[in-house]
């Protein structure tokens, strides 16, 4: 179920936070348009891992297409 609330609901933030759970974010609107998302910490950590994995896959794909790259260059990109 999609949970959408106006940002003004944050006046009673406890109510908003009570509705947030794993795989159950709360979308906050401002002036009728989507503006913010409140998500569970586990969901955020999973998103971060996904993002890092996607970046790594792109770097490896680039390296495969271009041949070889210096280790220092690859390490610098991975450590960003």
N, C-alpha and C. Protein backbone atom coordinates (compact mmCIF):
# COMPACT_ATOMS: atom_id res chain seq x y z
N UNK A 1 0.84 -1.18 0.00
CA UNK A 1 0.00 0.00 0.00
C UNK A 1 0.88 1.24 0.00
N UNK A 2 0.58 2.18 -0.87
CA UNK A 2 1.33 3.43 -0.94
C UNK A 2 0.80 4.36 0.14
N UNK A 3 1.71 4.92 0.91
CA UNK A 3 1.35 5.80 2.02
C UNK A 3 1.79 7.22 1.68
N UNK A 4 0.83 8.09 1.35
CA UNK A 4 1.11 9.47 0.96
C UNK A 4 0.46 10.41 1.95
N UNK A 5 1.25 11.36 2.43
CA UNK A 5 0.74 12.34 3.40
C UNK A 5 1.28 13.73 3.06
N UNK A 6 0.53 14.77 3.40
CA UNK A 6 1.09 16.11 3.23
C UNK A 6 2.18 16.35 4.28
N UNK A 7 3.17 17.16 3.93
CA UNK A 7 4.27 17.44 4.84
C UNK A 7 3.77 18.06 6.15
N UNK A 8 2.62 18.69 6.12
CA UNK A 8 2.06 19.28 7.34
C UNK A 8 1.77 18.23 8.40
N UNK A 9 1.65 16.97 8.01
CA UNK A 9 1.44 15.89 8.98
C UNK A 9 2.62 15.73 9.92
N UNK A 10 3.78 16.30 9.56
CA UNK A 10 4.95 16.19 10.42
C UNK A 10 4.79 16.95 11.73
N UNK A 11 3.74 17.77 11.82
CA UNK A 11 3.46 18.43 13.10
C UNK A 11 3.26 17.37 14.16
N UNK A 12 2.71 16.23 13.76
CA UNK A 12 2.55 15.08 14.63
C UNK A 12 3.45 13.97 14.07
N UNK A 13 4.77 14.20 14.16
CA UNK A 13 5.71 13.29 13.51
C UNK A 13 5.65 11.86 14.04
N UNK A 14 5.22 11.69 15.26
CA UNK A 14 5.09 10.35 15.83
C UNK A 14 4.11 9.51 15.03
N UNK A 15 3.02 10.12 14.62
CA UNK A 15 2.01 9.44 13.80
C UNK A 15 2.60 9.02 12.47
N UNK A 16 3.38 9.91 11.86
CA UNK A 16 4.00 9.62 10.57
C UNK A 16 5.01 8.48 10.73
N UNK A 17 5.88 8.59 11.74
CA UNK A 17 6.91 7.57 11.95
C UNK A 17 6.32 6.21 12.29
N UNK A 18 5.18 6.19 12.95
CA UNK A 18 4.54 4.92 13.27
C UNK A 18 4.08 4.16 12.02
N UNK A 19 3.87 4.88 10.92
CA UNK A 19 3.41 4.23 9.70
C UNK A 19 4.56 3.76 8.81
N UNK A 20 5.79 4.20 9.12
CA UNK A 20 6.96 3.79 8.35
C UNK A 20 7.41 2.41 8.82
N UNK A 21 7.73 1.55 7.87
CA UNK A 21 8.23 0.23 8.21
C UNK A 21 9.01 -0.33 7.06
N UNK A 22 9.61 -1.51 7.27
CA UNK A 22 10.32 -2.13 6.15
C UNK A 22 9.40 -2.29 4.95
N UNK A 23 9.89 -1.85 3.82
CA UNK A 23 9.13 -1.89 2.56
C UNK A 23 7.81 -1.13 2.63
N UNK A 24 7.74 -0.16 3.54
CA UNK A 24 6.54 0.67 3.70
C UNK A 24 6.94 2.13 3.94
N UNK A 25 7.46 2.80 2.90
CA UNK A 25 7.86 4.19 3.07
C UNK A 25 6.66 5.12 3.14
N UNK A 26 6.90 6.32 3.62
CA UNK A 26 5.87 7.36 3.63
C UNK A 26 6.34 8.45 2.66
N UNK A 27 5.49 8.76 1.69
CA UNK A 27 5.78 9.82 0.73
C UNK A 27 5.11 11.09 1.23
N UNK A 28 5.90 12.15 1.36
CA UNK A 28 5.38 13.42 1.84
C UNK A 28 5.25 14.40 0.67
N UNK A 29 4.12 15.08 0.63
CA UNK A 29 3.87 16.03 -0.44
C UNK A 29 3.93 17.46 0.11
N UNK A 30 4.30 18.38 -0.77
CA UNK A 30 4.30 19.80 -0.43
C UNK A 30 3.59 20.51 -1.57
N UNK A 31 2.54 21.24 -1.24
CA UNK A 31 1.71 21.91 -2.24
C UNK A 31 1.17 20.94 -3.28
N UNK A 32 0.87 19.73 -2.84
CA UNK A 32 0.26 18.74 -3.71
C UNK A 32 1.23 17.94 -4.57
N UNK A 33 2.52 18.19 -4.43
CA UNK A 33 3.52 17.49 -5.23
C UNK A 33 4.46 16.69 -4.34
N UNK A 34 4.90 15.54 -4.82
CA UNK A 34 5.84 14.72 -4.07
C UNK A 34 7.11 15.49 -3.78
N UNK A 35 7.57 15.44 -2.53
CA UNK A 35 8.75 16.22 -2.14
C UNK A 35 9.76 15.38 -1.35
N UNK A 36 9.29 14.54 -0.41
CA UNK A 36 10.17 13.80 0.49
C UNK A 36 9.68 12.37 0.63
N UNK A 37 10.62 11.50 1.07
CA UNK A 37 10.27 10.12 1.39
C UNK A 37 10.91 9.79 2.72
N UNK A 38 10.15 9.21 3.63
CA UNK A 38 10.68 8.73 4.90
C UNK A 38 10.69 7.21 4.80
N UNK A 39 11.90 6.63 4.96
CA UNK A 39 12.02 5.18 4.82
C UNK A 39 12.66 4.57 6.06
N UNK A 40 12.44 3.28 6.21
CA UNK A 40 13.02 2.50 7.28
C UNK A 40 14.53 2.42 7.07
N UNK A 41 15.30 2.39 8.14
CA UNK A 41 16.76 2.35 8.05
C UNK A 41 17.24 1.12 7.28
N UNK A 42 16.62 -0.02 7.47
CA UNK A 42 17.02 -1.23 6.74
C UNK A 42 16.83 -1.04 5.24
N UNK A 43 15.75 -0.38 4.84
CA UNK A 43 15.52 -0.11 3.43
C UNK A 43 16.59 0.84 2.88
N UNK A 44 16.97 1.84 3.68
CA UNK A 44 18.00 2.78 3.25
C UNK A 44 19.34 2.06 3.07
N UNK A 45 19.69 1.20 4.01
CA UNK A 45 20.94 0.45 3.91
C UNK A 45 20.94 -0.45 2.68
N UNK A 46 19.82 -1.08 2.39
CA UNK A 46 19.71 -1.92 1.19
C UNK A 46 19.87 -1.07 -0.07
N UNK A 47 19.27 0.11 -0.07
CA UNK A 47 19.40 1.03 -1.20
C UNK A 47 20.86 1.44 -1.40
N UNK A 48 21.55 1.74 -0.32
CA UNK A 48 22.96 2.13 -0.40
C UNK A 48 23.80 0.99 -0.99
N UNK A 49 23.55 -0.24 -0.53
CA UNK A 49 24.28 -1.40 -1.07
C UNK A 49 24.00 -1.56 -2.55
N UNK A 50 22.75 -1.40 -2.95
CA UNK A 50 22.37 -1.50 -4.35
C UNK A 50 23.09 -0.44 -5.18
N UNK A 51 23.11 0.78 -4.68
CA UNK A 51 23.75 1.88 -5.39
C UNK A 51 25.25 1.61 -5.57
N UNK A 52 25.90 1.17 -4.50
CA UNK A 52 27.33 0.87 -4.58
C UNK A 52 27.58 -0.28 -5.56
N UNK A 53 26.74 -1.30 -5.54
CA UNK A 53 26.89 -2.43 -6.46
C UNK A 53 26.71 -1.99 -7.90
N UNK A 54 25.75 -1.11 -8.13
CA UNK A 54 25.51 -0.60 -9.48
C UNK A 54 26.72 0.20 -9.97
N UNK A 55 27.28 1.04 -9.09
CA UNK A 55 28.45 1.82 -9.45
C UNK A 55 29.63 0.90 -9.78
N UNK A 56 29.82 -0.12 -8.96
CA UNK A 56 30.91 -1.06 -9.20
C UNK A 56 30.72 -1.77 -10.54
N UNK A 57 29.51 -2.18 -10.85
CA UNK A 57 29.23 -2.84 -12.12
C UNK A 57 29.54 -1.91 -13.29
N UNK A 58 29.21 -0.62 -13.17
CA UNK A 58 29.50 0.34 -14.23
C UNK A 58 31.01 0.52 -14.42
N UNK A 59 31.73 0.59 -13.31
CA UNK A 59 33.19 0.74 -13.38
C UNK A 59 33.81 -0.49 -14.04
N UNK A 60 33.36 -1.67 -13.64
CA UNK A 60 33.90 -2.90 -14.22
C UNK A 60 33.55 -3.00 -15.71
N UNK A 61 32.35 -2.58 -16.06
CA UNK A 61 31.93 -2.59 -17.46
C UNK A 61 32.80 -1.64 -18.29
N UNK A 62 33.06 -0.45 -17.74
CA UNK A 62 33.93 0.52 -18.42
C UNK A 62 35.33 -0.06 -18.61
N UNK A 63 35.85 -0.69 -17.57
CA UNK A 63 37.19 -1.27 -17.63
C UNK A 63 37.25 -2.37 -18.67
N UNK A 64 36.21 -3.17 -18.74
CA UNK A 64 36.17 -4.26 -19.71
C UNK A 64 36.15 -3.72 -21.14
N UNK A 65 35.38 -2.66 -21.36
CA UNK A 65 35.28 -2.07 -22.70
C UNK A 65 36.57 -1.37 -23.12
N UNK A 66 37.23 -0.71 -22.18
CA UNK A 66 38.40 0.09 -22.53
C UNK A 66 39.71 -0.69 -22.44
N UNK A 67 39.65 -1.91 -22.03
CA UNK A 67 40.88 -2.69 -21.89
C UNK A 67 41.36 -2.65 -20.47
N UNK A 68 42.50 -2.05 -20.25
CA UNK A 68 43.04 -2.02 -18.89
C UNK A 68 43.06 -0.59 -18.37
N UNK A 69 43.07 -0.49 -17.05
CA UNK A 69 43.16 0.80 -16.38
C UNK A 69 44.14 0.65 -15.22
N UNK A 70 44.82 1.70 -14.87
CA UNK A 70 45.73 1.63 -13.73
C UNK A 70 44.96 1.31 -12.44
N UNK A 71 45.55 0.47 -11.61
CA UNK A 71 44.91 0.09 -10.35
C UNK A 71 44.58 1.30 -9.50
N UNK A 72 45.45 2.29 -9.47
CA UNK A 72 45.22 3.49 -8.65
C UNK A 72 43.97 4.23 -9.10
N UNK A 73 43.71 4.25 -10.40
CA UNK A 73 42.51 4.92 -10.93
C UNK A 73 41.25 4.17 -10.53
N UNK A 74 41.27 2.86 -10.65
CA UNK A 74 40.12 2.05 -10.27
C UNK A 74 39.87 2.16 -8.76
N UNK A 75 40.93 2.07 -7.97
CA UNK A 75 40.80 2.19 -6.51
C UNK A 75 40.22 3.54 -6.12
N UNK A 76 40.65 4.61 -6.77
CA UNK A 76 40.14 5.96 -6.47
C UNK A 76 38.64 6.04 -6.75
N UNK A 77 38.19 5.43 -7.84
CA UNK A 77 36.76 5.45 -8.16
C UNK A 77 35.97 4.64 -7.17
N UNK A 78 36.50 3.50 -6.75
CA UNK A 78 35.79 2.64 -5.80
C UNK A 78 35.69 3.27 -4.43
N UNK A 79 36.66 4.07 -4.06
CA UNK A 79 36.68 4.67 -2.72
C UNK A 79 35.94 5.98 -2.62
N UNK A 80 35.35 6.45 -3.72
CA UNK A 80 34.56 7.70 -3.70
C UNK A 80 33.42 7.58 -2.75
